[in-house]
């Protein structure tokens, strides 16, 4: 079984985000146990999130950001219009992407 590797950019982003989570938790005076209970996970899972474990669910990172007041999207109305624009574009694209078939060249 091979171990999944992540790019340096991904690792740096996770490290930065997890440090921000730990900082905000401490600034708010919350223990890991308190925050884990609010999040609905075990303290061990929270430790993994604060360590930047890439195998943790991304939804947990977003929920933690919300609980701690970390604003990932500064202008919600801007992102809402972006989401609508993306939905409009997706509506006109095919729902499935198929591998293009290579044409056979029968010229000898």
C-alpha atoms as a PDB file:
ATOM      1  CA  UNK A   1       0.000   0.000   0.000  1.00  0.00           C
ATOM      2  CA  UNK A   2       1.554   3.298  -1.069  1.00  0.00           C
ATOM      3  CA  UNK A   3       1.415   6.409   1.044  1.00  0.00           C
ATOM      4  CA  UNK A   4      -0.394   9.412  -0.481  1.00  0.00           C
ATOM      5  CA  UNK A   5       1.852  12.425  -0.935  1.00  0.00           C
ATOM      6  CA  UNK A   6       0.817  16.066  -1.116  1.00  0.00           C
ATOM      7  CA  UNK A   7       2.450  18.965  -2.901  1.00  0.00           C
ATOM      8  CA  UNK A   8       4.480  21.481  -0.887  1.00  0.00           C
ATOM      9  CA  UNK A   9       1.822  24.121  -1.611  1.00  0.00           C
ATOM     10  CA  UNK A  10      -0.910  21.916  -0.127  1.00  0.00           C
ATOM     11  CA  UNK A  11       1.219  21.103   2.902  1.00  0.00           C
ATOM     12  CA  UNK A  12       2.016  24.791   3.480  1.00  0.00           C
ATOM     13  CA  UNK A  13      -1.635  25.807   3.148  1.00  0.00           C
ATOM     14  CA  UNK A  14      -2.720  23.123   5.607  1.00  0.00           C
ATOM     15  CA  UNK A  15      -0.009  24.118   8.058  1.00  0.00           C
ATOM     16  CA  UNK A  16      -0.971  27.787   7.871  1.00  0.00           C
ATOM     17  CA  UNK A  17      -4.690  27.057   8.222  1.00  0.00           C
ATOM     18  CA  UNK A  18      -4.193  24.647  11.116  1.00  0.00           C
ATOM     19  CA  UNK A  19      -1.983  27.161  12.938  1.00  0.00           C
ATOM     20  CA  UNK A  20      -4.657  29.812  12.469  1.00  0.00           C
ATOM     21  CA  UNK A  21      -7.235  27.429  13.944  1.00  0.00           C
ATOM     22  CA  UNK A  22      -5.024  26.740  16.984  1.00  0.00           C
ATOM     23  CA  UNK A  23      -4.355  30.465  17.432  1.00  0.00           C
ATOM     24  CA  UNK A  24      -8.046  31.421  17.307  1.00  0.00           C
ATOM     25  CA  UNK A  25      -8.964  28.611  19.709  1.00  0.00           C
ATOM     26  CA  UNK A  26      -6.397  29.799  22.229  1.00  0.00           C
ATOM     27  CA  UNK A  27      -7.365  33.463  21.799  1.00  0.00           C
ATOM     28  CA  UNK A  28     -10.946  32.517  22.628  1.00  0.00           C
ATOM     29  CA  UNK A  29      -9.791  30.595  25.697  1.00  0.00           C
ATOM     30  CA  UNK A  30     -11.185  27.271  24.500  1.00  0.00           C
ATOM     31  CA  UNK A  31      -9.625  23.958  25.391  1.00  0.00           C
ATOM     32  CA  UNK A  32      -9.285  21.296  22.737  1.00  0.00           C
ATOM     33  CA  UNK A  33     -11.946  19.298  24.564  1.00  0.00           C
ATOM     34  CA  UNK A  34     -14.401  22.243  24.598  1.00  0.00           C
ATOM     35  CA  UNK A  35     -13.959  22.936  20.907  1.00  0.00           C
ATOM     36  CA  UNK A  36     -14.088  19.249  19.996  1.00  0.00           C
ATOM     37  CA  UNK A  37     -17.440  18.944  21.781  1.00  0.00           C
ATOM     38  CA  UNK A  38     -18.797  22.007  19.954  1.00  0.00           C
ATOM     39  CA  UNK A  39     -17.616  20.558  16.670  1.00  0.00           C
ATOM     40  CA  UNK A  40     -19.009  17.114  17.492  1.00  0.00           C
ATOM     41  CA  UNK A  41     -15.719  15.246  17.169  1.00  0.00           C
ATOM     42  CA  UNK A  42     -13.232  13.647  19.521  1.00  0.00           C
ATOM     43  CA  UNK A  43     -10.314  15.552  20.994  1.00  0.00           C
ATOM     44  CA  UNK A  44      -8.001  13.353  18.931  1.00  0.00           C
ATOM     45  CA  UNK A  45      -9.697  14.478  15.728  1.00  0.00           C
ATOM     46  CA  UNK A  46      -9.340  18.101  16.778  1.00  0.00           C
ATOM     47  CA  UNK A  47      -5.643  17.512  17.440  1.00  0.00           C
ATOM     48  CA  UNK A  48      -5.316  16.116  13.914  1.00  0.00           C
ATOM     49  CA  UNK A  49      -7.090  19.183  12.509  1.00  0.00           C
ATOM     50  CA  UNK A  50      -4.786  21.507  14.437  1.00  0.00           C
ATOM     51  CA  UNK A  51      -1.814  19.513  13.136  1.00  0.00           C
ATOM     52  CA  UNK A  52      -3.018  20.008   9.551  1.00  0.00           C
ATOM     53  CA  UNK A  53      -3.697  16.348   8.801  1.00  0.00           C
ATOM     54  CA  UNK A  54      -4.763  16.291   5.131  1.00  0.00           C
ATOM     55  CA  UNK A  55      -6.806  13.140   5.688  1.00  0.00           C
ATOM     56  CA  UNK A  56      -9.346  15.009   7.843  1.00  0.00           C
ATOM     57  CA  UNK A  57     -12.635  15.905   6.198  1.00  0.00           C
ATOM     58  CA  UNK A  58     -12.528  19.320   4.578  1.00  0.00           C
ATOM     59  CA  UNK A  59     -15.960  20.052   6.016  1.00  0.00           C
ATOM     60  CA  UNK A  60     -14.488  19.861   9.508  1.00  0.00           C
ATOM     61  CA  UNK A  61     -11.918  22.516   8.602  1.00  0.00           C
ATOM     62  CA  UNK A  62     -14.692  24.790   7.284  1.00  0.00           C
ATOM     63  CA  UNK A  63     -16.875  24.178  10.335  1.00  0.00           C
ATOM     64  CA  UNK A  64     -13.967  24.971  12.645  1.00  0.00           C
ATOM     65  CA  UNK A  65     -13.312  28.193  10.757  1.00  0.00           C
ATOM     66  CA  UNK A  66     -16.958  29.165  11.195  1.00  0.00           C
ATOM     67  CA  UNK A  67     -17.008  28.294  14.910  1.00  0.00           C
ATOM     68  CA  UNK A  68     -13.843  30.303  15.539  1.00  0.00           C
ATOM     69  CA  UNK A  69     -14.860  33.311  13.459  1.00  0.00           C
ATOM     70  CA  UNK A  70     -12.265  32.785  10.745  1.00  0.00           C
ATOM     71  CA  UNK A  71     -13.619  34.457   7.612  1.00  0.00           C
ATOM     72  CA  UNK A  72     -12.572  32.385   4.642  1.00  0.00           C
ATOM     73  CA  UNK A  73     -14.766  34.339   2.273  1.00  0.00           C
ATOM     74  CA  UNK A  74     -14.701  38.043   3.112  1.00  0.00           C
ATOM     75  CA  UNK A  75     -17.594  39.145   0.916  1.00  0.00           C
ATOM     76  CA  UNK A  76     -20.357  36.494   1.003  1.00  0.00           C
ATOM     77  CA  UNK A  77     -22.489  38.349  -1.548  1.00  0.00           C
ATOM     78  CA  UNK A  78     -19.589  38.299  -4.025  1.00  0.00           C
ATOM     79  CA  UNK A  79     -19.159  34.569  -3.619  1.00  0.00           C
ATOM     80  CA  UNK A  80     -22.883  34.004  -3.928  1.00  0.00           C
ATOM     81  CA  UNK A  81     -22.891  35.748  -7.319  1.00  0.00           C
ATOM     82  CA  UNK A  82     -19.805  33.735  -8.282  1.00  0.00           C
ATOM     83  CA  UNK A  83     -21.617  30.516  -7.290  1.00  0.00           C
ATOM     84  CA  UNK A  84     -24.590  31.498  -9.467  1.00  0.00           C
ATOM     85  CA  UNK A  85     -22.255  32.252 -12.379  1.00  0.00           C
ATOM     86  CA  UNK A  86     -20.563  28.877 -11.982  1.00  0.00           C
ATOM     87  CA  UNK A  87     -23.945  27.117 -11.834  1.00  0.00           C
ATOM     88  CA  UNK A  88     -24.986  28.874 -15.061  1.00  0.00           C
ATOM     89  CA  UNK A  89     -21.800  27.738 -16.800  1.00  0.00           C
ATOM     90  CA  UNK A  90     -22.163  24.181 -15.515  1.00  0.00           C
ATOM     91  CA  UNK A  91     -25.747  24.075 -16.792  1.00  0.00           C
ATOM     92  CA  UNK A  92     -24.619  24.472 -20.410  1.00  0.00           C
ATOM     93  CA  UNK A  93     -21.710  22.030 -20.231  1.00  0.00           C
ATOM     94  CA  UNK A  94     -22.115  18.276 -20.656  1.00  0.00           C
ATOM     95  CA  UNK A  95     -22.779  16.471 -17.401  1.00  0.00           C
ATOM     96  CA  UNK A  96     -20.233  13.799 -18.235  1.00  0.00           C
ATOM     97  CA  UNK A  97     -16.827  14.126 -19.794  1.00  0.00           C
ATOM     98  CA  UNK A  98     -15.860  11.298 -22.062  1.00  0.00           C
ATOM     99  CA  UNK A  99     -12.426  10.504 -23.296  1.00  0.00           C
ATOM    100  CA  UNK A 100     -12.095  11.635 -26.885  1.00  0.00           C
ATOM    101  CA  UNK A 101     -11.563   8.861 -29.356  1.00  0.00           C
ATOM    102  CA  UNK A 102      -8.514   9.059 -31.502  1.00  0.00           C
ATOM    103  CA  UNK A 103      -9.343   8.939 -35.178  1.00  0.00           C
ATOM    104  CA  UNK A 104      -7.759   6.100 -37.038  1.00  0.00           C
ATOM    105  CA  UNK A 105      -5.600   7.178 -39.915  1.00  0.00           C
ATOM    106  CA  UNK A 106      -6.012   4.544 -42.617  1.00  0.00           C
ATOM    107  CA  UNK A 107      -3.819   6.311 -45.154  1.00  0.00           C
ATOM    108  CA  UNK A 108      -0.915   4.114 -46.056  1.00  0.00           C
END
